[in-house]
mmCIF file of all heavy atoms, coordinates in Angstrom:
data_MODEL
# 
_entry.id   MODEL 
# 
loop_
_atom_site.group_PDB 
_atom_site.id 
_atom_site.type_symbol 
_atom_site.label_atom_id 
_atom_site.label_alt_id 
_atom_site.label_comp_id 
_atom_site.label_asym_id 
_atom_site.label_entity_id 
_atom_site.label_seq_id 
_atom_site.pdbx_PDB_ins_code 
_atom_site.Cartn_x 
_atom_site.Cartn_y 
_atom_site.Cartn_z 
_atom_site.occupancy 
_atom_site.B_iso_or_equiv 
_atom_site.pdbx_formal_charge 
_atom_site.auth_seq_id 
_atom_site.auth_comp_id 
_atom_site.auth_asym_id 
_atom_site.auth_atom_id 
_atom_site.pdbx_PDB_model_num 
ATOM 1   N N   . SER A 1 1  ? 0.802  -1.231 0.000   1.00 0.00 ? 1  SER A N   1 
ATOM 2   C CA  . SER A 1 1  ? 0.000  0.000  0.000   1.00 0.00 ? 1  SER A CA  1 
ATOM 3   C C   . SER A 1 1  ? 0.829  1.272  0.000   1.00 0.00 ? 1  SER A C   1 
ATOM 4   O O   . SER A 1 1  ? 0.278  2.372  -0.110  1.00 0.00 ? 1  SER A O   1 
ATOM 5   C CB  . SER A 1 1  ? -0.929 0.015  1.223   1.00 0.00 ? 1  SER A CB  1 
ATOM 6   O OG  . SER A 1 1  ? -0.171 -0.028 2.434   1.00 0.00 ? 1  SER A OG  1 
ATOM 7   N N   . ALA A 1 2  ? 2.145  1.171  0.141   1.00 0.00 ? 2  ALA A N   1 
ATOM 8   C CA  . ALA A 1 2  ? 3.001  2.356  0.217   1.00 0.00 ? 2  ALA A CA  1 
ATOM 9   C C   . ALA A 1 2  ? 4.205  2.195  -0.698  1.00 0.00 ? 2  ALA A C   1 
ATOM 10  O O   . ALA A 1 2  ? 4.753  1.091  -0.831  1.00 0.00 ? 2  ALA A O   1 
ATOM 11  C CB  . ALA A 1 2  ? 3.467  2.587  1.651   1.00 0.00 ? 2  ALA A CB  1 
ATOM 12  N N   . MET A 1 3  ? 4.635  3.307  -1.319  1.00 0.00 ? 3  MET A N   1 
ATOM 13  C CA  . MET A 1 3  ? 5.797  3.295  -2.204  1.00 0.00 ? 3  MET A CA  1 
ATOM 14  C C   . MET A 1 3  ? 6.710  4.463  -1.824  1.00 0.00 ? 3  MET A C   1 
ATOM 15  O O   . MET A 1 3  ? 6.464  5.609  -2.177  1.00 0.00 ? 3  MET A O   1 
ATOM 16  C CB  . MET A 1 3  ? 5.369  3.428  -3.671  1.00 0.00 ? 3  MET A CB  1 
ATOM 17  C CG  . MET A 1 3  ? 6.526  3.429  -4.661  1.00 0.00 ? 3  MET A CG  1 
ATOM 18  S SD  . MET A 1 3  ? 5.955  3.703  -6.367  1.00 0.00 ? 3  MET A SD  1 
ATOM 19  C CE  . MET A 1 3  ? 5.403  5.404  -6.282  1.00 0.00 ? 3  MET A CE  1 
ATOM 20  N N   . PRO A 1 4  ? 7.794  4.217  -1.088  1.00 0.00 ? 4  PRO A N   1 
ATOM 21  C CA  . PRO A 1 4  ? 8.740  5.277  -0.738  1.00 0.00 ? 4  PRO A CA  1 
ATOM 22  C C   . PRO A 1 4  ? 9.409  5.844  -1.980  1.00 0.00 ? 4  PRO A C   1 
ATOM 23  O O   . PRO A 1 4  ? 9.771  5.098  -2.907  1.00 0.00 ? 4  PRO A O   1 
ATOM 24  C CB  . PRO A 1 4  ? 9.760  4.561  0.154   1.00 0.00 ? 4  PRO A CB  1 
ATOM 25  C CG  . PRO A 1 4  ? 9.050  3.344  0.649   1.00 0.00 ? 4  PRO A CG  1 
ATOM 26  C CD  . PRO A 1 4  ? 8.145  2.934  -0.466  1.00 0.00 ? 4  PRO A CD  1 
ATOM 27  N N   . THR A 1 5  ? 9.610  7.171  -1.988  1.00 0.00 ? 5  THR A N   1 
ATOM 28  C CA  . THR A 1 5  ? 10.174 7.802  -3.173  1.00 0.00 ? 5  THR A CA  1 
ATOM 29  C C   . THR A 1 5  ? 10.763 9.156  -2.819  1.00 0.00 ? 5  THR A C   1 
ATOM 30  O O   . THR A 1 5  ? 10.617 9.646  -1.685  1.00 0.00 ? 5  THR A O   1 
ATOM 31  C CB  . THR A 1 5  ? 9.100  7.936  -4.272  1.00 0.00 ? 5  THR A CB  1 
ATOM 32  O OG1 . THR A 1 5  ? 9.728  8.214  -5.528  1.00 0.00 ? 5  THR A OG1 1 
ATOM 33  C CG2 . THR A 1 5  ? 8.080  9.015  -3.939  1.00 0.00 ? 5  THR A CG2 1 
ATOM 34  N N   . PHE A 1 6  ? 11.453 9.766  -3.787  1.00 0.00 ? 6  PHE A N   1 
ATOM 35  C CA  . PHE A 1 6  ? 11.908 11.153 -3.713  1.00 0.00 ? 6  PHE A CA  1 
ATOM 36  C C   . PHE A 1 6  ? 11.096 11.985 -4.698  1.00 0.00 ? 6  PHE A C   1 
ATOM 37  O O   . PHE A 1 6  ? 10.570 11.466 -5.689  1.00 0.00 ? 6  PHE A O   1 
ATOM 38  C CB  . PHE A 1 6  ? 13.383 11.270 -4.076  1.00 0.00 ? 6  PHE A CB  1 
ATOM 39  C CG  . PHE A 1 6  ? 14.348 10.879 -2.996  1.00 0.00 ? 6  PHE A CG  1 
ATOM 40  C CD1 . PHE A 1 6  ? 15.591 10.352 -3.334  1.00 0.00 ? 6  PHE A CD1 1 
ATOM 41  C CD2 . PHE A 1 6  ? 14.053 11.046 -1.658  1.00 0.00 ? 6  PHE A CD2 1 
ATOM 42  C CE1 . PHE A 1 6  ? 16.514 10.003 -2.352  1.00 0.00 ? 6  PHE A CE1 1 
ATOM 43  C CE2 . PHE A 1 6  ? 14.958 10.698 -0.668  1.00 0.00 ? 6  PHE A CE2 1 
ATOM 44  C CZ  . PHE A 1 6  ? 16.196 10.176 -1.021  1.00 0.00 ? 6  PHE A CZ  1 
ATOM 45  N N   . SER A 1 7  ? 11.074 13.296 -4.464  1.00 0.00 ? 7  SER A N   1 
ATOM 46  C CA  . SER A 1 7  ? 10.311 14.190 -5.338  1.00 0.00 ? 7  SER A CA  1 
ATOM 47  C C   . SER A 1 7  ? 11.101 14.666 -6.536  1.00 0.00 ? 7  SER A C   1 
ATOM 48  O O   . SER A 1 7  ? 10.535 15.055 -7.553  1.00 0.00 ? 7  SER A O   1 
ATOM 49  C CB  . SER A 1 7  ? 9.847  15.425 -4.552  1.00 0.00 ? 7  SER A CB  1 
ATOM 50  O OG  . SER A 1 7  ? 10.955 16.250 -4.187  1.00 0.00 ? 7  SER A OG  1 
ATOM 51  N N   . GLY A 1 8  ? 12.445 14.649 -6.437  1.00 0.00 ? 8  GLY A N   1 
ATOM 52  C CA  . GLY A 1 8  ? 13.250 15.342 -7.428  1.00 0.00 ? 8  GLY A CA  1 
ATOM 53  C C   . GLY A 1 8  ? 13.341 16.814 -7.075  1.00 0.00 ? 8  GLY A C   1 
ATOM 54  O O   . GLY A 1 8  ? 12.697 17.304 -6.136  1.00 0.00 ? 8  GLY A O   1 
ATOM 55  N N   . ALA A 1 9  ? 14.152 17.554 -7.836  1.00 0.00 ? 9  ALA A N   1 
ATOM 56  C CA  . ALA A 1 9  ? 14.398 18.948 -7.467  1.00 0.00 ? 9  ALA A CA  1 
ATOM 57  C C   . ALA A 1 9  ? 14.686 19.821 -8.681  1.00 0.00 ? 9  ALA A C   1 
ATOM 58  O O   . ALA A 1 9  ? 15.572 19.512 -9.475  1.00 0.00 ? 9  ALA A O   1 
ATOM 59  C CB  . ALA A 1 9  ? 15.575 19.026 -6.498  1.00 0.00 ? 9  ALA A CB  1 
ATOM 60  N N   . LEU A 1 10 ? 13.912 20.885 -8.794  1.00 0.00 ? 10 LEU A N   1 
ATOM 61  C CA  . LEU A 1 10 ? 14.180 21.939 -9.765  1.00 0.00 ? 10 LEU A CA  1 
ATOM 62  C C   . LEU A 1 10 ? 14.671 23.215 -9.079  1.00 0.00 ? 10 LEU A C   1 
ATOM 63  O O   . LEU A 1 10 ? 15.457 23.973 -9.636  1.00 0.00 ? 10 LEU A O   1 
ATOM 64  C CB  . LEU A 1 10 ? 12.906 22.251 -10.561 1.00 0.00 ? 10 LEU A CB  1 
ATOM 65  C CG  . LEU A 1 10 ? 12.342 21.098 -11.394 1.00 0.00 ? 10 LEU A CG  1 
ATOM 66  C CD1 . LEU A 1 10 ? 10.986 21.481 -11.978 1.00 0.00 ? 10 LEU A CD1 1 
ATOM 67  C CD2 . LEU A 1 10 ? 13.308 20.678 -12.492 1.00 0.00 ? 10 LEU A CD2 1 
ATOM 68  N N   . ALA A 1 11 ? 14.203 23.444 -7.839  1.00 0.00 ? 11 ALA A N   1 
ATOM 69  C CA  . ALA A 1 11 ? 14.509 24.682 -7.126  1.00 0.00 ? 11 ALA A CA  1 
ATOM 70  C C   . ALA A 1 11 ? 15.680 24.555 -6.162  1.00 0.00 ? 11 ALA A C   1 
ATOM 71  O O   . ALA A 1 11 ? 16.155 25.570 -5.653  1.00 0.00 ? 11 ALA A O   1 
ATOM 72  C CB  . ALA A 1 11 ? 13.268 25.154 -6.359  1.00 0.00 ? 11 ALA A CB  1 
ATOM 73  N N   . TRP A 1 12 ? 16.158 23.342 -5.895  1.00 0.00 ? 12 TRP A N   1 
ATOM 74  C CA  . TRP A 1 12 ? 17.165 23.150 -4.863  1.00 0.00 ? 12 TRP A CA  1 
ATOM 75  C C   . TRP A 1 12 ? 18.411 24.024 -5.041  1.00 0.00 ? 12 TRP A C   1 
ATOM 76  O O   . TRP A 1 12 ? 18.955 24.536 -4.044  1.00 0.00 ? 12 TRP A O   1 
ATOM 77  C CB  . TRP A 1 12 ? 17.550 21.679 -4.765  1.00 0.00 ? 12 TRP A CB  1 
ATOM 78  C CG  . TRP A 1 12 ? 18.542 21.400 -3.690  1.00 0.00 ? 12 TRP A CG  1 
ATOM 79  C CD1 . TRP A 1 12 ? 19.869 21.155 -3.837  1.00 0.00 ? 12 TRP A CD1 1 
ATOM 80  C CD2 . TRP A 1 12 ? 18.295 21.373 -2.277  1.00 0.00 ? 12 TRP A CD2 1 
ATOM 81  N NE1 . TRP A 1 12 ? 20.469 20.956 -2.609  1.00 0.00 ? 12 TRP A NE1 1 
ATOM 82  C CE2 . TRP A 1 12 ? 19.518 21.097 -1.625  1.00 0.00 ? 12 TRP A CE2 1 
ATOM 83  C CE3 . TRP A 1 12 ? 17.153 21.561 -1.498  1.00 0.00 ? 12 TRP A CE3 1 
ATOM 84  C CZ2 . TRP A 1 12 ? 19.629 20.997 -0.245  1.00 0.00 ? 12 TRP A CZ2 1 
ATOM 85  C CZ3 . TRP A 1 12 ? 17.265 21.456 -0.108  1.00 0.00 ? 12 TRP A CZ3 1 
ATOM 86  C CH2 . TRP A 1 12 ? 18.491 21.180 0.500   1.00 0.00 ? 12 TRP A CH2 1 
ATOM 87  N N   . PRO A 1 13 ? 18.923 24.245 -6.261  1.00 0.00 ? 13 PRO A N   1 
ATOM 88  C CA  . PRO A 1 13 ? 20.109 25.103 -6.382  1.00 0.00 ? 13 PRO A CA  1 
ATOM 89  C C   . PRO A 1 13 ? 19.885 26.518 -5.877  1.00 0.00 ? 13 PRO A C   1 
ATOM 90  O O   . PRO A 1 13 ? 20.856 27.254 -5.640  1.00 0.00 ? 13 PRO A O   1 
ATOM 91  C CB  . PRO A 1 13 ? 20.398 25.098 -7.893  1.00 0.00 ? 13 PRO A CB  1 
ATOM 92  C CG  . PRO A 1 13 ? 19.786 23.843 -8.389  1.00 0.00 ? 13 PRO A CG  1 
ATOM 93  C CD  . PRO A 1 13 ? 18.552 23.660 -7.567  1.00 0.00 ? 13 PRO A CD  1 
ATOM 94  N N   . PHE A 1 14 ? 18.624 26.894 -5.699  1.00 0.00 ? 14 PHE A N   1 
ATOM 95  C CA  . PHE A 1 14 ? 18.290 28.263 -5.272  1.00 0.00 ? 14 PHE A CA  1 
ATOM 96  C C   . PHE A 1 14 ? 17.772 28.283 -3.836  1.00 0.00 ? 14 PHE A C   1 
ATOM 97  O O   . PHE A 1 14 ? 17.044 29.195 -3.436  1.00 0.00 ? 14 PHE A O   1 
ATOM 98  C CB  . PHE A 1 14 ? 17.248 28.853 -6.227  1.00 0.00 ? 14 PHE A CB  1 
ATOM 99  C CG  . PHE A 1 14 ? 17.631 28.690 -7.669  1.00 0.00 ? 14 PHE A CG  1 
ATOM 100 C CD1 . PHE A 1 14 ? 17.063 27.680 -8.440  1.00 0.00 ? 14 PHE A CD1 1 
ATOM 101 C CD2 . PHE A 1 14 ? 18.598 29.497 -8.244  1.00 0.00 ? 14 PHE A CD2 1 
ATOM 102 C CE1 . PHE A 1 14 ? 17.430 27.511 -9.761  1.00 0.00 ? 14 PHE A CE1 1 
ATOM 103 C CE2 . PHE A 1 14 ? 18.978 29.330 -9.565  1.00 0.00 ? 14 PHE A CE2 1 
ATOM 104 C CZ  . PHE A 1 14 ? 18.393 28.334 -10.330 1.00 0.00 ? 14 PHE A CZ  1 
ATOM 105 N N   . LEU A 1 15 ? 18.156 27.270 -3.043  1.00 0.00 ? 15 LEU A N   1 
ATOM 106 C CA  . LEU A 1 15 ? 17.671 27.147 -1.676  1.00 0.00 ? 15 LEU A CA  1 
ATOM 107 C C   . LEU A 1 15 ? 17.957 28.407 -0.864  1.00 0.00 ? 15 LEU A C   1 
ATOM 108 O O   . LEU A 1 15 ? 17.088 28.934 -0.172  1.00 0.00 ? 15 LEU A O   1 
ATOM 109 C CB  . LEU A 1 15 ? 18.335 25.932 -1.014  1.00 0.00 ? 15 LEU A CB  1 
ATOM 110 C CG  . LEU A 1 15 ? 17.998 25.708 0.458   1.00 0.00 ? 15 LEU A CG  1 
ATOM 111 C CD1 . LEU A 1 15 ? 16.550 25.260 0.604   1.00 0.00 ? 15 LEU A CD1 1 
ATOM 112 C CD2 . LEU A 1 15 ? 18.932 24.657 1.066   1.00 0.00 ? 15 LEU A CD2 1 
ATOM 113 N N   . TYR A 1 16 ? 19.179 28.897 -0.927  1.00 0.00 ? 16 TYR A N   1 
ATOM 114 C CA  . TYR A 1 16 ? 19.535 30.094 -0.164  1.00 0.00 ? 16 TYR A CA  1 
ATOM 115 C C   . TYR A 1 16 ? 19.215 31.337 -0.993  1.00 0.00 ? 16 TYR A C   1 
ATOM 116 O O   . TYR A 1 16 ? 19.596 31.413 -2.161  1.00 0.00 ? 16 TYR A O   1 
ATOM 117 C CB  . TYR A 1 16 ? 21.024 30.060 0.198   1.00 0.00 ? 16 TYR A CB  1 
ATOM 118 C CG  . TYR A 1 16 ? 21.365 31.011 1.320   1.00 0.00 ? 16 TYR A CG  1 
ATOM 119 C CD1 . TYR A 1 16 ? 21.070 30.678 2.633   1.00 0.00 ? 16 TYR A CD1 1 
ATOM 120 C CD2 . TYR A 1 16 ? 21.960 32.236 1.055   1.00 0.00 ? 16 TYR A CD2 1 
ATOM 121 C CE1 . TYR A 1 16 ? 21.374 31.543 3.664   1.00 0.00 ? 16 TYR A CE1 1 
ATOM 122 C CE2 . TYR A 1 16 ? 22.267 33.116 2.074   1.00 0.00 ? 16 TYR A CE2 1 
ATOM 123 C CZ  . TYR A 1 16 ? 21.970 32.771 3.386   1.00 0.00 ? 16 TYR A CZ  1 
ATOM 124 O OH  . TYR A 1 16 ? 22.256 33.643 4.412   1.00 0.00 ? 16 TYR A OH  1 
ATOM 125 N N   . PRO A 1 17 ? 18.498 32.294 -0.422  1.00 0.00 ? 17 PRO A N   1 
ATOM 126 C CA  . PRO A 1 17 ? 17.999 33.428 -1.218  1.00 0.00 ? 17 PRO A CA  1 
ATOM 127 C C   . PRO A 1 17 ? 19.047 34.505 -1.501  1.00 0.00 ? 17 PRO A C   1 
ATOM 128 O O   . PRO A 1 17 ? 18.804 35.710 -1.345  1.00 0.00 ? 17 PRO A O   1 
ATOM 129 C CB  . PRO A 1 17 ? 16.849 33.959 -0.360  1.00 0.00 ? 17 PRO A CB  1 
ATOM 130 C CG  . PRO A 1 17 ? 17.229 33.634 1.038   1.00 0.00 ? 17 PRO A CG  1 
ATOM 131 C CD  . PRO A 1 17 ? 17.947 32.312 0.957   1.00 0.00 ? 17 PRO A CD  1 
ATOM 132 N N   . PHE A 1 18 ? 20.232 34.085 -1.886  1.00 0.00 ? 18 PHE A N   1 
ATOM 133 C CA  . PHE A 1 18 ? 21.255 35.005 -2.367  1.00 0.00 ? 18 PHE A CA  1 
ATOM 134 C C   . PHE A 1 18 ? 22.139 34.258 -3.355  1.00 0.00 ? 18 PHE A C   1 
ATOM 135 O O   . PHE A 1 18 ? 22.593 33.156 -3.047  1.00 0.00 ? 18 PHE A O   1 
ATOM 136 C CB  . PHE A 1 18 ? 22.117 35.545 -1.217  1.00 0.00 ? 18 PHE A CB  1 
ATOM 137 C CG  . PHE A 1 18 ? 23.082 36.610 -1.683  1.00 0.00 ? 18 PHE A CG  1 
ATOM 138 C CD1 . PHE A 1 18 ? 22.680 37.930 -1.773  1.00 0.00 ? 18 PHE A CD1 1 
ATOM 139 C CD2 . PHE A 1 18 ? 24.372 36.270 -2.075  1.00 0.00 ? 18 PHE A CD2 1 
ATOM 140 C CE1 . PHE A 1 18 ? 23.562 38.904 -2.225  1.00 0.00 ? 18 PHE A CE1 1 
ATOM 141 C CE2 . PHE A 1 18 ? 25.249 37.233 -2.535  1.00 0.00 ? 18 PHE A CE2 1 
ATOM 142 C CZ  . PHE A 1 18 ? 24.842 38.548 -2.607  1.00 0.00 ? 18 PHE A CZ  1 
ATOM 143 N N   . PRO A 1 19 ? 22.407 34.784 -4.555  1.00 0.00 ? 19 PRO A N   1 
ATOM 144 C CA  . PRO A 1 19 ? 21.882 36.069 -5.055  1.00 0.00 ? 19 PRO A CA  1 
ATOM 145 C C   . PRO A 1 19 ? 20.353 36.106 -5.011  1.00 0.00 ? 19 PRO A C   1 
ATOM 146 O O   . PRO A 1 19 ? 19.701 35.059 -5.076  1.00 0.00 ? 19 PRO A O   1 
ATOM 147 C CB  . PRO A 1 19 ? 22.393 36.111 -6.501  1.00 0.00 ? 19 PRO A CB  1 
ATOM 148 C CG  . PRO A 1 19 ? 23.534 35.150 -6.535  1.00 0.00 ? 19 PRO A CG  1 
ATOM 149 C CD  . PRO A 1 19 ? 23.202 34.084 -5.555  1.00 0.00 ? 19 PRO A CD  1 
ATOM 150 N N   . GLN A 1 20 ? 19.835 37.298 -4.941  1.00 0.00 ? 20 GLN A N   1 
ATOM 151 C CA  . GLN A 1 20 ? 18.394 37.449 -4.800  1.00 0.00 ? 20 GLN A CA  1 
ATOM 152 C C   . GLN A 1 20 ? 17.658 36.722 -5.919  1.00 0.00 ? 20 GLN A C   1 
ATOM 153 O O   . GLN A 1 20 ? 17.997 36.834 -7.092  1.00 0.00 ? 20 GLN A O   1 
ATOM 154 C CB  . GLN A 1 20 ? 18.037 38.939 -4.829  1.00 0.00 ? 20 GLN A CB  1 
ATOM 155 C CG  . GLN A 1 20 ? 16.583 39.211 -4.488  1.00 0.00 ? 20 GLN A CG  1 
ATOM 156 C CD  . GLN A 1 20 ? 16.280 40.692 -4.491  1.00 0.00 ? 20 GLN A CD  1 
ATOM 157 O OE1 . GLN A 1 20 ? 16.512 41.373 -5.493  1.00 0.00 ? 20 GLN A OE1 1 
ATOM 158 N NE2 . GLN A 1 20 ? 15.775 41.193 -3.385  1.00 0.00 ? 20 GLN A NE2 1 
ATOM 159 N N   . ARG A 1 21 ? 16.667 35.950 -5.524  1.00 0.00 ? 21 ARG A N   1 
ATOM 160 C CA  . ARG A 1 21 ? 15.884 35.199 -6.509  1.00 0.00 ? 21 ARG A CA  1 
ATOM 161 C C   . ARG A 1 21 ? 14.885 36.120 -7.191  1.00 0.00 ? 21 ARG A C   1 
ATOM 162 O O   . ARG A 1 21 ? 14.224 36.929 -6.524  1.00 0.00 ? 21 ARG A O   1 
ATOM 163 C CB  . ARG A 1 21 ? 15.145 34.048 -5.831  1.00 0.00 ? 21 ARG A CB  1 
ATOM 164 C CG  . ARG A 1 21 ? 16.043 33.013 -5.214  1.00 0.00 ? 21 ARG A CG  1 
ATOM 165 C CD  . ARG A 1 21 ? 15.266 31.816 -4.691  1.00 0.00 ? 21 ARG A CD  1 
ATOM 166 N NE  . ARG A 1 21 ? 14.346 32.143 -3.617  1.00 0.00 ? 21 ARG A NE  1 
ATOM 167 C CZ  . ARG A 1 21 ? 14.394 31.612 -2.391  1.00 0.00 ? 21 ARG A CZ  1 
ATOM 168 N NH1 . ARG A 1 21 ? 15.340 30.738 -2.082  1.00 0.00 ? 21 ARG A NH1 1 
ATOM 169 N NH2 . ARG A 1 21 ? 13.506 31.948 -1.482  1.00 0.00 ? 21 ARG A NH2 1 
ATOM 170 N N   . PRO A 1 22 ? 14.717 35.988 -8.499  1.00 0.00 ? 22 PRO A N   1 
ATOM 171 C CA  . PRO A 1 22 ? 13.691 36.796 -9.166  1.00 0.00 ? 22 PRO A CA  1 
ATOM 172 C C   . PRO A 1 22 ? 12.305 36.374 -8.707  1.00 0.00 ? 22 PRO A C   1 
ATOM 173 O O   . PRO A 1 22 ? 12.071 35.191 -8.409  1.00 0.00 ? 22 PRO A O   1 
ATOM 174 C CB  . PRO A 1 22 ? 13.901 36.489 -10.648 1.00 0.00 ? 22 PRO A CB  1 
ATOM 175 C CG  . PRO A 1 22 ? 14.619 35.191 -10.681 1.00 0.00 ? 22 PRO A CG  1 
ATOM 176 C CD  . PRO A 1 22 ? 15.449 35.130 -9.435  1.00 0.00 ? 22 PRO A CD  1 
ATOM 177 N N   . PRO A 1 23 ? 11.359 37.295 -8.638  1.00 0.00 ? 23 PRO A N   1 
ATOM 178 C CA  . PRO A 1 23 ? 10.002 36.952 -8.196  1.00 0.00 ? 23 PRO A CA  1 
ATOM 179 C C   . PRO A 1 23 ? 9.409  35.833 -9.046  1.00 0.00 ? 23 PRO A C   1 
ATOM 180 O O   . PRO A 1 23 ? 9.549  35.807 -10.271 1.00 0.00 ? 23 PRO A O   1 
ATOM 181 C CB  . PRO A 1 23 ? 9.226  38.268 -8.393  1.00 0.00 ? 23 PRO A CB  1 
ATOM 182 C CG  . PRO A 1 23 ? 10.271 39.337 -8.316  1.00 0.00 ? 23 PRO A CG  1 
ATOM 183 C CD  . PRO A 1 23 ? 11.501 38.737 -8.935  1.00 0.00 ? 23 PRO A CD  1 
ATOM 184 N N   . GLY A 1 24 ? 8.786  34.874 -8.386  1.00 0.00 ? 24 GLY A N   1 
ATOM 185 C CA  . GLY A 1 24 ? 8.093  33.810 -9.094  1.00 0.00 ? 24 GLY A CA  1 
ATOM 186 C C   . GLY A 1 24 ? 8.936  32.600 -9.423  1.00 0.00 ? 24 GLY A C   1 
ATOM 187 O O   . GLY A 1 24 ? 8.399  31.588 -9.913  1.00 0.00 ? 24 GLY A O   1 
# 
């Protein structure tokens, strides 16, 4: 009934908000 998994990552390289992230 359960399947362990990861989500993957598109935003991870921008985890820390510097340089400032563009809005959106």
